[in-house]
Amino acid sequence: MAILAVSALLIVANGTPLVLSNLLGQRANWRIDGGVTLADGRALFGATKTWRGLAGSLIATTLLAILLGLGWQVGLLVAAGAMVGDLLSSFSKRRLGFASSARAPGLDQLPEALLPALGLYFFFSYPLWLVLIATLLFVAVDVGLSPLLFRWGLRRVPH
């Protein structure tokens, strides 16, 4: 049960920005990087990393953790870790020359799942095997659902 709960938190933390983007379009869609371009000529994070997505992830994941009886602190940690991991992934992809939303297997999923999982291990003493399996479940769900979300018009790219 705990594996499914942690996996659900990871899915909500990483999926909420996409849901909000589909529901709200461009409303309240302020970029986290403010449009800053670094010396390499590329954006710091990119246009899809927004304050709306960050706030939505923090709120939705925290609420889910409360509903699951895990405590708001667990939800907040998972969401914050996922969003930091997502920003690190975007930053890395920009530096490596990947376009926004371009596919980078592993780099697209691992930081946003592994950072919060390790946070659960270090700060809340979740068993390491549990957080690693939850991370792998998240990666499998993300890779498996992405083409379906594209087909249903919820994603702009099929990965």
N, C-alpha and C. Protein backbone atom coordinates (compact mmCIF):
# COMPACT_ATOMS: atom_id res chain seq x y z
N MET A 1 0.82 -1.20 0.00
CA MET A 1 0.00 0.00 0.00
C MET A 1 0.86 1.26 0.00
N ALA A 2 1.93 1.25 0.79
CA ALA A 2 2.79 2.45 0.87
C ALA A 2 3.44 2.74 -0.47
N ILE A 3 3.80 1.69 -1.21
CA ILE A 3 4.41 1.90 -2.54
C ILE A 3 3.43 2.62 -3.45
N LEU A 4 2.18 2.19 -3.44
CA LEU A 4 1.16 2.82 -4.28
C LEU A 4 0.90 4.26 -3.84
N ALA A 5 0.91 4.51 -2.54
CA ALA A 5 0.68 5.86 -2.04
C ALA A 5 1.81 6.80 -2.48
N VAL A 6 3.05 6.35 -2.33
CA VAL A 6 4.18 7.19 -2.75
C VAL A 6 4.17 7.38 -4.26
N SER A 7 3.85 6.32 -5.01
CA SER A 7 3.76 6.45 -6.47
C SER A 7 2.67 7.43 -6.85
N ALA A 8 1.53 7.37 -6.17
CA ALA A 8 0.44 8.31 -6.44
C ALA A 8 0.87 9.75 -6.17
N LEU A 9 1.61 9.95 -5.08
CA LEU A 9 2.11 11.30 -4.79
C LEU A 9 3.05 11.79 -5.89
N LEU A 10 3.92 10.92 -6.36
CA LEU A 10 4.84 11.30 -7.45
C LEU A 10 4.08 11.64 -8.73
N ILE A 11 3.05 10.85 -9.04
CA ILE A 11 2.26 11.10 -10.24
C ILE A 11 1.51 12.43 -10.13
N VAL A 12 0.91 12.69 -8.98
CA VAL A 12 0.19 13.95 -8.79
C VAL A 12 1.15 15.13 -8.81
N ALA A 13 2.28 14.99 -8.14
CA ALA A 13 3.26 16.08 -8.09
C ALA A 13 3.72 16.46 -9.49
N ASN A 14 3.98 15.46 -10.32
CA ASN A 14 4.50 15.74 -11.66
C ASN A 14 3.40 15.96 -12.69
N GLY A 15 2.20 15.47 -12.43
CA GLY A 15 1.11 15.60 -13.39
C GLY A 15 0.27 16.85 -13.24
N THR A 16 0.24 17.43 -12.05
CA THR A 16 -0.60 18.61 -11.82
C THR A 16 -0.27 19.77 -12.75
N PRO A 17 1.01 20.10 -12.99
CA PRO A 17 1.28 21.20 -13.93
C PRO A 17 0.69 20.96 -15.32
N LEU A 18 0.73 19.72 -15.80
CA LEU A 18 0.16 19.38 -17.10
C LEU A 18 -1.36 19.55 -17.09
N VAL A 19 -1.99 19.09 -16.02
CA VAL A 19 -3.44 19.23 -15.90
C VAL A 19 -3.83 20.71 -15.88
N LEU A 20 -3.12 21.50 -15.09
CA LEU A 20 -3.42 22.93 -15.03
C LEU A 20 -3.21 23.62 -16.37
N SER A 21 -2.18 23.22 -17.08
CA SER A 21 -1.93 23.79 -18.40
C SER A 21 -3.09 23.51 -19.34
N ASN A 22 -3.62 22.29 -19.29
CA ASN A 22 -4.75 21.94 -20.15
C ASN A 22 -6.04 22.64 -19.72
N LEU A 23 -6.23 22.81 -18.43
CA LEU A 23 -7.45 23.46 -17.94
C LEU A 23 -7.44 24.97 -18.11
N LEU A 24 -6.28 25.58 -17.88
CA LEU A 24 -6.22 27.04 -17.83
C LEU A 24 -5.56 27.70 -19.04
N GLY A 25 -4.96 26.91 -19.92
CA GLY A 25 -4.29 27.51 -21.09
C GLY A 25 -3.18 28.45 -20.65
N GLN A 26 -3.24 29.67 -21.13
CA GLN A 26 -2.20 30.66 -20.83
C GLN A 26 -2.51 31.53 -19.61
N ARG A 27 -3.67 31.34 -18.99
CA ARG A 27 -4.02 32.16 -17.81
C ARG A 27 -3.08 31.87 -16.65
N ALA A 28 -2.61 32.94 -16.02
CA ALA A 28 -1.71 32.86 -14.86
C ALA A 28 -0.51 31.96 -15.15
N ASN A 29 0.02 32.07 -16.33
CA ASN A 29 1.09 31.20 -16.81
C ASN A 29 2.44 31.93 -16.81
N TRP A 30 2.90 32.29 -15.63
CA TRP A 30 4.14 33.05 -15.51
C TRP A 30 5.33 32.12 -15.39
N ARG A 31 6.30 32.34 -16.25
CA ARG A 31 7.50 31.51 -16.27
C ARG A 31 8.32 31.68 -15.00
N ILE A 32 8.82 30.57 -14.49
CA ILE A 32 9.68 30.63 -13.30
C ILE A 32 10.97 31.37 -13.61
N ASP A 33 11.52 31.17 -14.81
CA ASP A 33 12.78 31.83 -15.15
C ASP A 33 12.60 33.25 -15.66
N GLY A 34 11.37 33.71 -15.75
CA GLY A 34 11.11 35.08 -16.19
C GLY A 34 11.57 35.37 -17.60
N GLY A 35 11.83 34.34 -18.38
CA GLY A 35 12.31 34.52 -19.75
C GLY A 35 13.80 34.77 -19.85
N VAL A 36 14.52 34.56 -18.76
CA VAL A 36 15.97 34.80 -18.74
C VAL A 36 16.67 33.84 -19.71
N THR A 37 17.59 34.40 -20.47
CA THR A 37 18.43 33.61 -21.37
C THR A 37 19.86 33.68 -20.85
N LEU A 38 20.52 32.55 -20.77
CA LEU A 38 21.89 32.50 -20.27
C LEU A 38 22.88 32.78 -21.41
N ALA A 39 24.16 32.80 -21.06
CA ALA A 39 25.21 33.12 -22.03
C ALA A 39 25.24 32.15 -23.21
N ASP A 40 24.73 30.93 -23.02
CA ASP A 40 24.70 29.97 -24.12
C ASP A 40 23.56 30.23 -25.10
N GLY A 41 22.78 31.29 -24.84
CA GLY A 41 21.68 31.67 -25.74
C GLY A 41 20.40 30.89 -25.50
N ARG A 42 20.39 30.05 -24.50
CA ARG A 42 19.21 29.23 -24.21
C ARG A 42 18.55 29.70 -22.91
N ALA A 43 17.26 29.41 -22.81
CA ALA A 43 16.51 29.78 -21.61
C ALA A 43 17.06 29.06 -20.39
N LEU A 44 16.88 29.68 -19.23
CA LEU A 44 17.31 29.07 -17.98
C LEU A 44 16.59 27.73 -17.77
N PHE A 45 15.26 27.74 -17.85
CA PHE A 45 14.46 26.52 -17.71
C PHE A 45 13.59 26.26 -18.94
N GLY A 46 12.90 27.28 -19.42
CA GLY A 46 12.01 27.12 -20.55
C GLY A 46 10.60 27.60 -20.22
N ALA A 47 9.81 27.76 -21.25
CA ALA A 47 8.48 28.36 -21.13
C ALA A 47 7.47 27.46 -20.41
N THR A 48 7.71 26.17 -20.32
CA THR A 48 6.73 25.28 -19.70
C THR A 48 6.91 25.15 -18.19
N LYS A 49 7.91 25.77 -17.64
CA LYS A 49 8.13 25.73 -16.18
C LYS A 49 7.56 27.02 -15.59
N THR A 50 6.38 26.89 -14.96
CA THR A 50 5.65 28.09 -14.50
C THR A 50 5.38 28.06 -13.00
N TRP A 51 5.13 29.26 -12.47
CA TRP A 51 4.77 29.39 -11.07
C TRP A 51 3.43 28.72 -10.81
N ARG A 52 2.52 28.77 -11.79
CA ARG A 52 1.22 28.12 -11.65
C ARG A 52 1.40 26.61 -11.46
N GLY A 53 2.25 26.01 -12.26
CA GLY A 53 2.50 24.58 -12.14
C GLY A 53 3.15 24.22 -10.83
N LEU A 54 4.10 25.03 -10.41
CA LEU A 54 4.78 24.80 -9.13
C LEU A 54 3.79 24.88 -7.97
N ALA A 55 3.02 25.96 -7.92
CA ALA A 55 2.06 26.13 -6.83
C ALA A 55 1.00 25.02 -6.86
N GLY A 56 0.51 24.70 -8.04
CA GLY A 56 -0.50 23.66 -8.17
C GLY A 56 0.02 22.32 -7.69
N SER A 57 1.26 21.99 -8.02
CA SER A 57 1.86 20.73 -7.59
C SER A 57 1.99 20.68 -6.07
N LEU A 58 2.46 21.77 -5.49
CA LEU A 58 2.62 21.82 -4.03
C LEU A 58 1.28 21.63 -3.32
N ILE A 59 0.25 22.30 -3.82
CA ILE A 59 -1.07 22.23 -3.18
C ILE A 59 -1.70 20.85 -3.38
N ALA A 60 -1.76 20.38 -4.62
CA ALA A 60 -2.43 19.11 -4.92
C ALA A 60 -1.76 17.94 -4.23
N THR A 61 -0.44 17.91 -4.22
CA THR A 61 0.28 16.78 -3.62
C THR A 61 0.15 16.80 -2.10
N THR A 62 0.19 17.98 -1.53
CA THR A 62 0.01 18.10 -0.09
C THR A 62 -1.39 17.64 0.31
N LEU A 63 -2.41 18.05 -0.44
CA LEU A 63 -3.78 17.62 -0.14
C LEU A 63 -3.94 16.10 -0.27
N LEU A 64 -3.34 15.52 -1.32
CA LEU A 64 -3.43 14.07 -1.48
C LEU A 64 -2.75 13.35 -0.32
N ALA A 65 -1.60 13.84 0.11
CA ALA A 65 -0.90 13.20 1.23
C ALA A 65 -1.76 13.24 2.49
N ILE A 66 -2.44 14.33 2.71
CA ILE A 66 -3.34 14.44 3.87
C ILE A 66 -4.46 13.42 3.74
N LEU A 67 -5.07 13.34 2.55
CA LEU A 67 -6.15 12.39 2.31
C LEU A 67 -5.70 10.94 2.50
N LEU A 68 -4.45 10.65 2.17
CA LEU A 68 -3.90 9.30 2.31
C LEU A 68 -3.40 9.02 3.74
N GLY A 69 -3.49 10.03 4.61
CA GLY A 69 -3.05 9.86 5.99
C GLY A 69 -1.55 9.90 6.17
N LEU A 70 -0.84 10.48 5.21
CA LEU A 70 0.62 10.53 5.28
C LEU A 70 1.15 11.82 5.90
N GLY A 71 0.30 12.81 6.06
CA GLY A 71 0.71 14.08 6.63
C GLY A 71 1.10 15.09 5.56
N TRP A 72 0.80 16.35 5.85
CA TRP A 72 1.06 17.40 4.86
C TRP A 72 2.54 17.54 4.56
N GLN A 73 3.39 17.26 5.56
CA GLN A 73 4.83 17.41 5.36
C GLN A 73 5.35 16.46 4.28
N VAL A 74 4.82 15.25 4.25
CA VAL A 74 5.23 14.28 3.23
C VAL A 74 4.82 14.78 1.85
N GLY A 75 3.59 15.25 1.73
CA GLY A 75 3.12 15.77 0.44
C GLY A 75 3.93 16.96 -0.03
N LEU A 76 4.20 17.86 0.86
CA LEU A 76 4.98 19.05 0.50
C LEU A 76 6.39 18.67 0.08
N LEU A 77 7.01 17.74 0.79
CA LEU A 77 8.35 17.29 0.43
C LEU A 77 8.36 16.62 -0.94
N VAL A 78 7.39 15.75 -1.20
CA VAL A 78 7.34 15.06 -2.49
C VAL A 78 7.16 16.07 -3.61
N ALA A 79 6.23 17.00 -3.46
CA ALA A 79 5.98 17.99 -4.51
C ALA A 79 7.20 18.88 -4.72
N ALA A 80 7.79 19.37 -3.63
CA ALA A 80 8.96 20.25 -3.76
C ALA A 80 10.11 19.50 -4.41
N GLY A 81 10.35 18.27 -3.98
CA GLY A 81 11.42 17.46 -4.59
C GLY A 81 11.17 17.21 -6.07
N ALA A 82 9.93 16.90 -6.40
CA ALA A 82 9.59 16.65 -7.81
C ALA A 82 9.79 17.90 -8.66
N MET A 83 9.39 19.05 -8.13
CA MET A 83 9.52 20.29 -8.91
C MET A 83 10.99 20.72 -9.03
N VAL A 84 11.76 20.54 -7.97
CA VAL A 84 13.20 20.84 -8.07
C VAL A 84 13.85 19.89 -9.07
N GLY A 85 13.50 18.61 -9.01
CA GLY A 85 14.03 17.65 -9.98
C GLY A 85 13.64 18.00 -11.40
N ASP A 86 12.41 18.44 -11.60
CA ASP A 86 11.95 18.83 -12.93
C ASP A 86 12.71 20.06 -13.42
N LEU A 87 12.95 21.02 -12.55
CA LEU A 87 13.73 22.21 -12.94
C LEU A 87 15.18 21.84 -13.26
N LEU A 88 15.77 20.96 -12.46
CA LEU A 88 17.14 20.50 -12.74
C LEU A 88 17.20 19.79 -14.09
N SER A 89 16.20 18.98 -14.37
CA SER A 89 16.12 18.28 -15.65
C SER A 89 16.03 19.28 -16.80
N SER A 90 15.14 20.26 -16.66
CA SER A 90 14.99 21.27 -17.72
C SER A 90 16.26 22.08 -17.91
N PHE A 91 16.87 22.48 -16.79
CA PHE A 91 18.12 23.23 -16.86
C PHE A 91 19.17 22.42 -17.60
N SER A 92 19.30 21.14 -17.25
CA SER A 92 20.30 20.26 -17.88
C SER A 92 20.01 20.08 -19.36
N LYS A 93 18.75 19.86 -19.69
CA LYS A 93 18.38 19.67 -21.10
C LYS A 93 18.69 20.92 -21.92
N ARG A 94 18.44 22.10 -21.37
CA ARG A 94 18.76 23.34 -22.10
C ARG A 94 20.26 23.45 -22.33
N ARG A 95 21.05 23.13 -21.31
CA ARG A 95 22.51 23.23 -21.44
C ARG A 95 23.04 22.20 -22.44
N LEU A 96 22.36 21.06 -22.54
CA LEU A 96 22.79 20.02 -23.49
C LEU A 96 22.26 20.27 -24.90
N GLY A 97 21.48 21.34 -25.07
CA GLY A 97 20.99 21.70 -26.39
C GLY A 97 19.65 21.10 -26.78
N PHE A 98 18.97 20.44 -25.84
CA PHE A 98 17.64 19.91 -26.14
C PHE A 98 16.63 21.05 -26.19
N ALA A 99 15.72 20.99 -27.14
CA ALA A 99 14.63 21.97 -27.21
C ALA A 99 13.64 21.70 -26.08
N SER A 100 12.84 22.70 -25.75
CA SER A 100 11.81 22.54 -24.73
C SER A 100 10.87 21.41 -25.13
N SER A 101 10.58 20.53 -24.22
CA SER A 101 9.73 19.35 -24.41
C SER A 101 10.35 18.27 -25.29
N ALA A 102 11.64 18.41 -25.63
CA ALA A 102 12.31 17.35 -26.40
C ALA A 102 12.53 16.14 -25.50
N ARG A 103 12.55 14.99 -26.08
CA ARG A 103 12.69 13.74 -25.33
C ARG A 103 14.14 13.52 -24.89
N ALA A 104 14.30 13.19 -23.62
CA ALA A 104 15.61 12.83 -23.06
C ALA A 104 15.35 11.69 -22.07
N PRO A 105 15.29 10.45 -22.56
CA PRO A 105 14.96 9.32 -21.68
C PRO A 105 15.83 9.28 -20.43
N GLY A 106 15.20 9.04 -19.32
CA GLY A 106 15.90 9.03 -18.04
C GLY A 106 15.97 10.41 -17.43
N LEU A 107 16.50 11.36 -18.17
CA LEU A 107 16.59 12.73 -17.68
C LEU A 107 15.20 13.35 -17.54
N ASP A 108 14.24 12.86 -18.30
CA ASP A 108 12.87 13.36 -18.21
C ASP A 108 12.13 12.84 -16.98
N GLN A 109 12.53 11.69 -16.44
CA GLN A 109 11.78 11.09 -15.35
C GLN A 109 12.55 10.98 -14.04
N LEU A 110 13.81 10.60 -14.09
CA LEU A 110 14.52 10.25 -12.86
C LEU A 110 14.70 11.40 -11.87
N PRO A 111 15.14 12.58 -12.27
CA PRO A 111 15.32 13.63 -11.25
C PRO A 111 14.03 13.98 -10.51
N GLU A 112 12.92 14.04 -11.25
CA GLU A 112 11.65 14.44 -10.63
C GLU A 112 11.02 13.34 -9.79
N ALA A 113 11.52 12.12 -9.90
CA ALA A 113 11.03 11.03 -9.06
C ALA A 113 12.03 10.65 -7.98
N LEU A 114 13.30 10.66 -8.32
CA LEU A 114 14.33 10.23 -7.39
C LEU A 114 14.58 11.24 -6.26
N LEU A 115 14.56 12.54 -6.57
CA LEU A 115 14.77 13.54 -5.51
C LEU A 115 13.72 13.44 -4.40
N PRO A 116 12.43 13.43 -4.74
CA PRO A 116 11.46 13.30 -3.65
C PRO A 116 11.55 11.94 -2.94
N ALA A 117 11.85 10.89 -3.68
CA ALA A 117 11.97 9.57 -3.07
C ALA A 117 13.12 9.55 -2.06
N LEU A 118 14.24 10.14 -2.44
CA LEU A 118 15.37 10.20 -1.50
C LEU A 118 15.05 11.09 -0.31
N GLY A 119 14.26 12.14 -0.54
CA GLY A 119 13.81 12.99 0.57
C GLY A 119 12.99 12.20 1.57
N LEU A 120 12.11 11.33 1.06
CA LEU A 120 11.31 10.48 1.96
C LEU A 120 12.21 9.54 2.75
N TYR A 121 13.24 9.04 2.10
CA TYR A 121 14.17 8.13 2.76
C TYR A 121 14.95 8.86 3.86
N PHE A 122 15.50 10.02 3.54
CA PHE A 122 16.36 10.72 4.49
C PHE A 122 15.60 11.46 5.58
N PHE A 123 14.47 12.09 5.24
CA PHE A 123 13.77 12.92 6.22
C PHE A 123 12.64 12.20 6.96
N PHE A 124 12.07 11.16 6.35
CA PHE A 124 10.96 10.47 6.99
C PHE A 124 11.22 8.98 7.20
N SER A 125 12.44 8.55 6.95
CA SER A 125 12.87 7.17 7.19
C SER A 125 12.04 6.12 6.45
N TYR A 126 11.54 6.49 5.27
CA TYR A 126 10.88 5.48 4.44
C TYR A 126 11.95 4.47 4.01
N PRO A 127 11.61 3.19 3.93
CA PRO A 127 12.61 2.19 3.51
C PRO A 127 13.12 2.50 2.09
N LEU A 128 14.41 2.31 1.91
CA LEU A 128 15.01 2.60 0.62
C LEU A 128 14.39 1.77 -0.50
N TRP A 129 14.13 0.49 -0.24
CA TRP A 129 13.52 -0.36 -1.27
C TRP A 129 12.16 0.19 -1.70
N LEU A 130 11.40 0.73 -0.73
CA LEU A 130 10.07 1.25 -1.03
C LEU A 130 10.15 2.46 -1.95
N VAL A 131 11.02 3.40 -1.63
CA VAL A 131 11.08 4.62 -2.44
C VAL A 131 11.67 4.33 -3.82
N LEU A 132 12.57 3.36 -3.90
CA LEU A 132 13.13 3.01 -5.21
C LEU A 132 12.10 2.31 -6.09
N ILE A 133 11.30 1.43 -5.50
CA ILE A 133 10.24 0.78 -6.28
C ILE A 133 9.19 1.80 -6.70
N ALA A 134 8.83 2.72 -5.81
CA ALA A 134 7.88 3.77 -6.16
C ALA A 134 8.42 4.63 -7.30
N THR A 135 9.72 4.91 -7.28
CA THR A 135 10.35 5.67 -8.36
C THR A 135 10.24 4.92 -9.68
N LEU A 136 10.54 3.63 -9.65
CA LEU A 136 10.44 2.82 -10.86
C LEU A 136 9.00 2.74 -11.37
N LEU A 137 8.04 2.63 -10.46
CA LEU A 137 6.63 2.63 -10.86
C LEU A 137 6.26 3.95 -11.53
N PHE A 138 6.72 5.06 -10.95
CA PHE A 138 6.44 6.36 -11.55
C PHE A 138 7.01 6.44 -12.96
N VAL A 139 8.25 6.01 -13.14
CA VAL A 139 8.89 6.05 -14.46
C VAL A 139 8.08 5.20 -15.44
N ALA A 140 7.67 4.01 -15.03
CA ALA A 140 6.88 3.13 -15.91
C ALA A 140 5.55 3.78 -16.28
N VAL A 141 4.87 4.37 -15.31
CA VAL A 141 3.59 5.02 -15.58
C VAL A 141 3.80 6.23 -16.50
N ASP A 142 4.83 7.01 -16.23
CA ASP A 142 5.10 8.19 -17.05
C ASP A 142 5.39 7.80 -18.50
N VAL A 143 6.25 6.83 -18.68
CA VAL A 143 6.60 6.38 -20.04
C VAL A 143 5.38 5.75 -20.73
N GLY A 144 4.60 4.99 -19.99
CA GLY A 144 3.44 4.32 -20.56
C GLY A 144 2.28 5.24 -20.86
N LEU A 145 2.04 6.21 -19.98
CA LEU A 145 0.90 7.11 -20.17
C LEU A 145 1.15 8.23 -21.16
N SER A 146 2.38 8.62 -21.32
CA SER A 146 2.69 9.76 -22.17
C SER A 146 2.12 9.66 -23.58
N PRO A 147 2.29 8.54 -24.29
CA PRO A 147 1.71 8.45 -25.63
C PRO A 147 0.18 8.52 -25.62
N LEU A 148 -0.44 7.97 -24.58
CA LEU A 148 -1.90 8.05 -24.48
C LEU A 148 -2.36 9.49 -24.26
N LEU A 149 -1.66 10.20 -23.38
CA LEU A 149 -2.01 11.60 -23.13
C LEU A 149 -1.86 12.44 -24.40
N PHE A 150 -0.86 12.12 -25.20
CA PHE A 150 -0.67 12.80 -26.48
C PHE A 150 -1.85 12.49 -27.42
N ARG A 151 -2.21 11.22 -27.50
CA ARG A 151 -3.32 10.81 -28.37
C ARG A 151 -4.63 11.47 -27.96
N TRP A 152 -4.82 11.66 -26.66
CA TRP A 152 -6.04 12.28 -26.15
C TRP A 152 -5.98 13.81 -26.21
N GLY A 153 -4.85 14.35 -26.71
CA GLY A 153 -4.73 15.80 -26.84
C GLY A 153 -4.33 16.52 -25.58
N LEU A 154 -3.86 15.80 -24.58
CA LEU A 154 -3.48 16.42 -23.32
C LEU A 154 -2.00 16.79 -23.25
N ARG A 155 -1.22 16.22 -24.14
CA ARG A 155 0.21 16.55 -24.26
C ARG A 155 0.49 17.01 -25.66
N ARG A 156 1.47 17.90 -25.78
CA ARG A 156 1.86 18.40 -27.11
C ARG A 156 2.82 17.48 -27.85
N VAL A 157 3.49 16.62 -27.10
CA VAL A 157 4.45 15.67 -27.69
C VAL A 157 4.13 14.27 -27.18
N PRO A 158 4.44 13.23 -27.97
CA PRO A 158 4.05 11.88 -27.58
C PRO A 158 4.96 11.18 -26.56
N HIS A 159 5.83 11.91 -25.91
CA HIS A 159 6.74 11.28 -24.94
C HIS A 159 6.80 12.08 -23.67
